[in-house]
Amino acid sequence: MDEQQLLAAIHSLASPDTRELACGESGHRAGHICLVAPGGADLPTLLDELGNWHGEPRTLVTGGHVAPAVTERTGLPLLAPWGDGLVEMRAWAFGGRWIGCGSVRTGDGVRPVVLIAERAAPSLEELSEDASWVDRVVAVTGWEADRRHPIDWAAAEARLGTALPRDYKRLAELFGRGAFDGYLDVHLPDGSRSDLVRHAERLAEWAAAHGNGLWEPHRLYPAPGGLLQWASSEQADGFYWLTEGPDPDKWPILASEDDCTTYRFAGSTAEFVYRLLTDPQQPFSTARYFSAHWFQSYGSPEPADD
């Protein structure tokens, strides 16, 4: 199996997530499959290739030491097959699967290892009835809620000329750059290519030169009540706030497909994200495709071209 065949096998086993996983390694229990890395495979190269597909990984084991926060929720099924033999292990969540890549110590020395393991849907049972929508998004994605991504909101809001919804800002600080279910790509004011503020300015410049025909009957922000984009998808879907009224926490959301089909949602940003992940009846929902949900982290932003 060469590197491209290995990557193809990973993608086949990881999606869809209904296929039974039974490993052929001697002494390994069901619930995962170990894949043979090609001869001469380089661990950093494998990690880079998987990172290109699945974003920034979680670090479970480094230098033979298991991270203290590793649990069933954060990737433990990837460690069980190899136990104390693990030297390195990185993990990516993908629906009802864990994807792991690292190295293991054997009688023949240290060699790369790649495996796919079952990932249980994160539980919502511990949530209180009055849990916020942000807390629900954290719970349903199995995210590590102790992580923080500082953002200069004062600078971003001053440049935009408006405050932004509070729950959007909390989501941004908890999750950072990335996409929910690998689909909903949230824009942040972080200096990246999809920077929220820069993107709004570019769209406004385009509309000033060419008109608002692409968004009719609406206009783009900073027009009063105009559309301010906060997320997108690879399928050219756009997700906007309708900046109606002085309170950003009450702005409705307008989701638009590239065929100009639109859907208006009266709840908050975090509620929209939660229902997109969990309600198969909602337009744009990923719940029709995945039994478990995740956040694909992009890590630190790449500098924009301008």
Protein backbone atom coordinates (compact mmCIF):
# COMPACT_ATOMS: atom_id res chain seq x y z
CA MET A 1 0.00 0.00 0.00
CA ASP A 2 1.52 3.34 -1.06
CA GLU A 3 0.76 6.69 0.57
CA GLN A 4 -2.12 7.59 -1.76
CA GLN A 5 -3.73 4.17 -1.25
CA LEU A 6 -3.38 4.64 2.50
CA LEU A 7 -5.11 8.02 2.38
CA ALA A 8 -7.88 6.56 0.20
CA ALA A 9 -8.38 3.73 2.72
CA ILE A 10 -8.60 6.24 5.58
CA HIS A 11 -11.26 8.28 3.81
CA SER A 12 -13.22 5.15 2.88
CA LEU A 13 -13.27 3.87 6.48
CA ALA A 14 -14.00 7.26 8.01
CA SER A 15 -17.01 8.11 5.86
CA PRO A 16 -19.73 6.96 6.01
CA ASP A 17 -19.48 6.06 9.68
CA THR A 18 -21.78 3.02 9.66
CA ARG A 19 -19.22 0.38 8.64
CA GLU A 20 -18.12 -2.11 11.30
CA LEU A 21 -14.48 -1.76 12.32
CA ALA A 22 -12.63 -5.01 13.06
CA CYS A 23 -8.83 -4.95 13.23
CA GLY A 24 -6.66 -7.73 11.82
CA GLU A 25 -3.75 -7.09 14.18
CA SER A 26 -3.14 -9.99 16.55
CA GLY A 27 -4.60 -9.33 20.02
CA HIS A 28 -6.52 -6.21 18.96
CA ARG A 29 -10.20 -5.99 19.83
CA ALA A 30 -13.00 -4.81 17.54
CA GLY A 31 -13.95 -1.15 17.35
CA HIS A 32 -10.99 0.00 15.28
CA ILE A 33 -8.86 -0.85 12.27
CA CYS A 34 -5.08 -0.38 12.08
CA LEU A 35 -3.76 0.43 8.63
CA VAL A 36 -0.28 -0.50 7.47
CA ALA A 37 1.78 2.56 6.63
CA PRO A 38 3.84 2.17 3.44
CA GLY A 39 7.48 1.18 3.79
CA GLY A 40 9.67 4.19 4.43
CA ALA A 41 6.64 6.29 5.39
CA ASP A 42 7.56 9.54 7.08
CA LEU A 43 5.42 10.46 10.10
CA PRO A 44 5.57 14.26 9.59
CA THR A 45 4.48 13.79 5.96
CA LEU A 46 1.55 11.60 6.96
CA LEU A 47 0.51 14.12 9.62
CA ASP A 48 0.68 16.96 7.09
CA GLU A 49 -1.40 15.03 4.55
CA LEU A 50 -4.09 14.22 7.09
CA GLY A 51 -3.99 17.79 8.39
CA ASN A 52 -4.66 19.08 4.89
CA TRP A 53 -7.89 17.05 4.87
CA HIS A 54 -9.01 17.25 8.48
CA GLY A 55 -7.45 20.35 10.00
CA GLU A 56 -5.35 20.75 13.13
CA PRO A 57 -5.17 17.53 15.20
CA ARG A 58 -5.44 17.00 18.94
CA THR A 59 -2.23 15.79 20.59
CA LEU A 60 -2.91 12.63 22.58
CA VAL A 61 0.60 11.24 23.07
CA THR A 62 3.96 12.93 22.69
CA GLY A 63 7.34 11.44 23.53
CA GLY A 64 5.57 8.42 25.02
CA HIS A 65 3.61 10.57 27.49
CA VAL A 66 -0.20 10.56 27.33
CA ALA A 67 -1.83 13.98 27.62
CA PRO A 68 -3.61 14.16 31.01
CA ALA A 69 -6.91 15.29 29.50
CA VAL A 70 -7.36 12.31 27.16
CA THR A 71 -10.78 10.71 27.69
CA GLU A 72 -13.33 8.76 25.67
CA ARG A 73 -14.62 12.16 24.55
CA THR A 74 -11.23 13.37 23.33
CA GLY A 75 -9.71 10.31 21.62
CA LEU A 76 -9.01 7.51 24.11
CA PRO A 77 -10.20 4.76 21.66
CA LEU A 78 -7.11 5.52 19.54
CA LEU A 79 -4.74 4.64 22.40
CA ALA A 80 -6.23 1.33 23.57
CA PRO A 81 -4.93 -0.91 20.74
CA TRP A 82 -1.24 -0.09 21.37
CA GLY A 83 -1.13 0.79 25.06
CA ASP A 84 2.32 1.59 26.44
CA GLY A 85 3.91 1.03 23.04
CA LEU A 86 2.73 4.38 21.72
CA VAL A 87 5.37 7.03 21.17
CA GLU A 88 3.27 9.66 19.38
CA MET A 89 -0.42 9.98 18.54
CA ARG A 90 -2.44 12.76 16.92
CA ALA A 91 -6.21 12.61 16.53
CA TRP A 92 -8.93 14.05 14.35
CA ALA A 93 -12.67 13.70 14.93
CA PHE A 94 -14.75 13.00 11.83
CA GLY A 95 -18.40 12.19 12.43
CA GLY A 96 -18.67 8.82 14.18
CA ARG A 97 -14.99 8.08 13.68
CA TRP A 98 -11.63 8.94 15.19
CA ILE A 99 -8.69 9.16 12.80
CA GLY A 100 -5.33 8.61 14.48
CA CYS A 101 -1.78 8.91 13.21
CA GLY A 102 1.41 8.45 15.21
CA SER A 103 4.21 6.05 15.93
CA VAL A 104 4.50 2.89 17.98
CA ARG A 105 7.42 0.99 19.44
CA THR A 106 7.67 -2.65 18.28
CA GLY A 107 10.29 -5.38 18.37
CA ASP A 108 11.60 -3.99 15.08
CA GLY A 109 11.90 -0.42 16.34
CA VAL A 110 9.59 2.59 16.06
CA ARG A 111 7.23 2.67 13.08
CA PRO A 112 4.36 4.90 11.94
CA VAL A 113 0.83 3.73 12.65
CA VAL A 114 -2.52 4.91 11.29
CA LEU A 115 -5.86 3.76 12.64
CA ILE A 116 -9.58 4.46 12.47
CA ALA A 117 -11.63 3.96 15.66
CA GLU A 118 -15.27 4.25 16.58
CA ARG A 119 -16.29 7.61 18.06
CA ALA A 120 -19.44 7.75 20.15
CA ALA A 121 -21.71 10.75 19.67
CA PRO A 122 -20.89 13.25 22.42
CA SER A 123 -23.49 13.11 25.20
CA LEU A 124 -25.79 16.01 26.09
CA GLU A 125 -27.03 14.39 29.29
CA GLU A 126 -24.86 16.49 31.58
CA LEU A 127 -26.27 19.74 30.25
CA SER A 128 -28.70 21.58 32.49
CA GLU A 129 -32.09 22.61 31.14
CA ASP A 130 -31.00 26.24 31.10
CA ALA A 131 -27.71 25.57 29.27
CA SER A 132 -26.86 28.25 26.74
CA TRP A 133 -26.82 27.55 23.02
CA VAL A 134 -23.05 27.98 23.06
CA ASP A 135 -22.78 25.31 25.78
CA ARG A 136 -24.93 23.01 23.64
CA VAL A 137 -22.68 23.49 20.62
CA VAL A 138 -19.62 22.70 22.77
CA ALA A 139 -21.31 19.57 24.11
CA VAL A 140 -22.62 18.20 20.81
CA THR A 141 -19.22 18.57 19.10
CA GLY A 142 -17.22 17.11 22.00
CA TRP A 143 -15.08 20.24 22.01
CA GLU A 144 -12.52 21.07 24.69
CA ALA A 145 -14.20 24.06 26.30
CA ASP A 146 -11.09 25.15 28.21
CA ARG A 147 -9.36 26.37 25.05
CA ARG A 148 -9.41 30.11 24.31
CA HIS A 149 -8.67 32.08 21.16
CA PRO A 150 -8.25 35.77 22.04
CA ILE A 151 -9.68 38.27 19.56
CA ASP A 152 -9.48 42.06 19.63
CA TRP A 153 -13.21 42.68 19.47
CA ALA A 154 -12.92 46.41 20.19
CA ALA A 155 -10.74 46.90 17.10
CA ALA A 156 -12.95 44.71 14.90
CA GLU A 157 -16.19 46.38 15.97
CA ALA A 158 -14.69 49.86 15.61
CA ARG A 159 -13.62 49.08 12.05
CA LEU A 160 -17.02 47.59 11.20
CA GLY A 161 -18.91 50.41 12.90
CA THR A 162 -21.15 48.04 14.84
CA ALA A 163 -21.15 45.69 17.79
CA LEU A 164 -21.42 41.96 17.02
CA PRO A 165 -23.66 39.28 18.59
CA ARG A 166 -22.33 38.16 21.97
CA ASP A 167 -22.86 34.44 21.41
CA TYR A 168 -21.01 34.63 18.09
CA LYS A 169 -18.07 36.20 19.92
CA ARG A 170 -18.14 33.48 22.56
CA LEU A 171 -18.22 30.76 19.88
CA ALA A 172 -15.27 32.41 18.14
CA GLU A 173 -13.20 32.55 21.33
CA LEU A 174 -13.98 28.94 22.28
CA PHE A 175 -13.50 27.31 18.87
CA GLY A 176 -11.20 29.59 16.89
CA ARG A 177 -10.82 29.17 13.14
CA GLY A 178 -12.52 26.19 11.60
CA ALA A 179 -15.71 24.58 10.37
CA PHE A 180 -18.55 22.78 12.13
CA ASP A 181 -18.95 19.28 10.68
CA GLY A 182 -16.31 20.34 8.17
CA TYR A 183 -19.09 22.35 6.48
CA LEU A 184 -20.00 25.59 8.24
CA ASP A 185 -16.87 27.74 7.96
CA VAL A 186 -17.13 30.56 10.52
CA HIS A 187 -15.50 33.89 9.63
CA LEU A 188 -13.49 35.57 12.39
CA PRO A 189 -11.80 38.99 12.59
CA ASP A 190 -8.38 37.32 12.76
CA GLY A 191 -6.40 38.68 9.82
CA SER A 192 -6.84 35.48 7.80
CA ARG A 193 -8.04 35.16 4.22
CA SER A 194 -11.63 34.83 5.47
CA ASP A 195 -11.34 37.68 7.96
CA LEU A 196 -14.86 38.84 8.87
CA VAL A 197 -14.11 42.56 8.65
CA ARG A 198 -12.02 42.44 5.49
CA HIS A 199 -14.60 40.21 3.79
CA ALA A 200 -17.40 42.66 4.65
CA GLU A 201 -15.36 45.54 3.24
CA ARG A 202 -14.62 43.66 0.03
CA LEU A 203 -18.27 42.75 -0.51
CA ALA A 204 -19.33 46.34 0.16
CA GLU A 205 -16.78 47.60 -2.38
CA TRP A 206 -18.02 45.08 -4.95
CA ALA A 207 -21.66 46.08 -4.34
CA ALA A 208 -20.78 49.77 -4.64
CA ALA A 209 -19.28 49.08 -8.07
CA HIS A 210 -21.75 46.48 -9.37
CA GLY A 211 -24.94 46.85 -7.32
CA ASN A 212 -26.71 44.58 -4.84
CA GLY A 213 -28.33 42.31 -7.43
CA LEU A 214 -26.80 39.15 -5.97
CA TRP A 215 -28.45 39.83 -2.61
CA GLU A 216 -31.82 41.33 -3.64
CA PRO A 217 -34.22 42.17 -2.12
CA HIS A 218 -31.60 42.89 0.54
CA ARG A 219 -28.60 45.17 0.51
CA LEU A 220 -25.17 44.59 2.00
CA TYR A 221 -23.95 46.10 5.23
CA PRO A 222 -23.18 48.98 5.95
CA ALA A 223 -26.50 49.83 4.33
CA PRO A 224 -29.15 50.13 7.10
CA GLY A 225 -30.45 46.64 7.89
CA GLY A 226 -27.93 45.23 5.41
CA LEU A 227 -26.47 41.74 5.25
CA LEU A 228 -23.24 41.05 7.15
CA GLN A 229 -21.71 37.66 6.34
CA TRP A 230 -20.43 35.57 9.28
CA ALA A 231 -20.03 32.11 7.71
CA SER A 232 -19.85 30.26 4.41
CA SER A 233 -19.46 26.77 2.97
CA GLU A 234 -17.49 25.12 0.18
CA GLN A 235 -20.82 24.67 -1.60
CA ALA A 236 -21.05 28.49 -1.97
CA ASP A 237 -23.72 28.78 0.72
CA GLY A 238 -23.64 32.12 2.55
CA PHE A 239 -24.73 32.83 6.13
CA TYR A 240 -25.51 36.42 7.06
CA TRP A 241 -26.84 38.54 9.86
CA LEU A 242 -29.64 40.87 8.89
CA THR A 243 -28.43 43.92 10.80
CA GLU A 244 -31.94 45.09 11.65
CA GLY A 245 -32.11 47.24 14.77
CA PRO A 246 -29.48 48.41 17.25
CA ASP A 247 -29.19 45.16 19.26
CA PRO A 248 -26.91 42.61 17.49
CA ASP A 249 -28.16 39.83 19.78
CA LYS A 250 -31.56 40.16 18.11
CA TRP A 251 -30.35 40.13 14.52
CA PRO A 252 -32.02 37.33 12.50
CA ILE A 253 -29.94 35.10 10.22
CA LEU A 254 -30.36 34.71 6.50
CA ALA A 255 -28.87 31.59 4.88
CA SER A 256 -28.55 31.59 1.10
CA GLU A 257 -27.65 28.90 -1.43
CA ASP A 258 -25.88 29.69 -4.68
CA ASP A 259 -29.18 29.22 -6.53
CA CYS A 260 -30.56 32.20 -4.53
CA THR A 261 -32.78 30.01 -2.29
CA THR A 262 -32.91 31.69 1.11
CA TYR A 263 -33.88 30.68 4.63
CA ARG A 264 -34.56 33.12 7.45
CA PHE A 265 -33.88 32.07 11.05
CA ALA A 266 -35.10 34.14 13.98
CA GLY A 267 -32.80 32.70 16.68
CA SER A 268 -29.25 33.54 17.71
CA THR A 269 -26.03 32.56 15.95
CA ALA A 270 -25.22 29.76 18.39
CA GLU A 271 -28.78 28.40 18.23
CA PHE A 272 -28.53 28.37 14.44
CA VAL A 273 -25.28 26.38 14.61
CA TYR A 274 -26.73 23.93 17.13
CA ARG A 275 -29.86 23.30 15.09
CA LEU A 276 -27.83 22.97 11.88
CA LEU A 277 -25.87 20.18 13.60
CA THR A 278 -28.81 18.39 15.24
CA ASP A 279 -32.09 19.08 13.42
CA PRO A 280 -32.38 17.16 10.12
CA GLN A 281 -35.48 19.18 9.23
CA GLN A 282 -33.59 22.45 9.17
CA PRO A 283 -32.39 23.64 5.76
CA PHE A 284 -28.60 23.30 5.44
CA SER A 285 -28.57 20.72 8.27
CA THR A 286 -25.65 18.31 8.51
CA ALA A 287 -27.66 15.99 10.79
CA ARG A 288 -28.88 14.17 7.68
CA TYR A 289 -25.34 13.02 6.96
CA PHE A 290 -23.58 12.52 10.30
CA SER A 291 -24.58 10.70 13.47
CA ALA A 292 -21.96 12.50 15.55
CA HIS A 293 -20.72 16.04 15.15
CA TRP A 294 -17.37 17.78 15.41
CA PHE A 295 -15.42 20.96 14.84
CA GLN A 296 -12.62 20.91 12.28
CA SER A 297 -9.98 23.30 13.60
CA TYR A 298 -7.82 25.24 11.15
CA GLY A 299 -5.28 26.28 13.78
CA SER A 300 -3.46 29.61 13.58
CA PRO A 301 -4.55 31.84 10.69
CA GLU A 302 -2.47 32.16 7.56
CA PRO A 303 -1.70 35.79 6.74
CA ALA A 304 -3.95 37.34 4.11
CA ASP A 305 -2.46 38.28 0.76
CA ASP A 306 -3.13 41.98 1.27
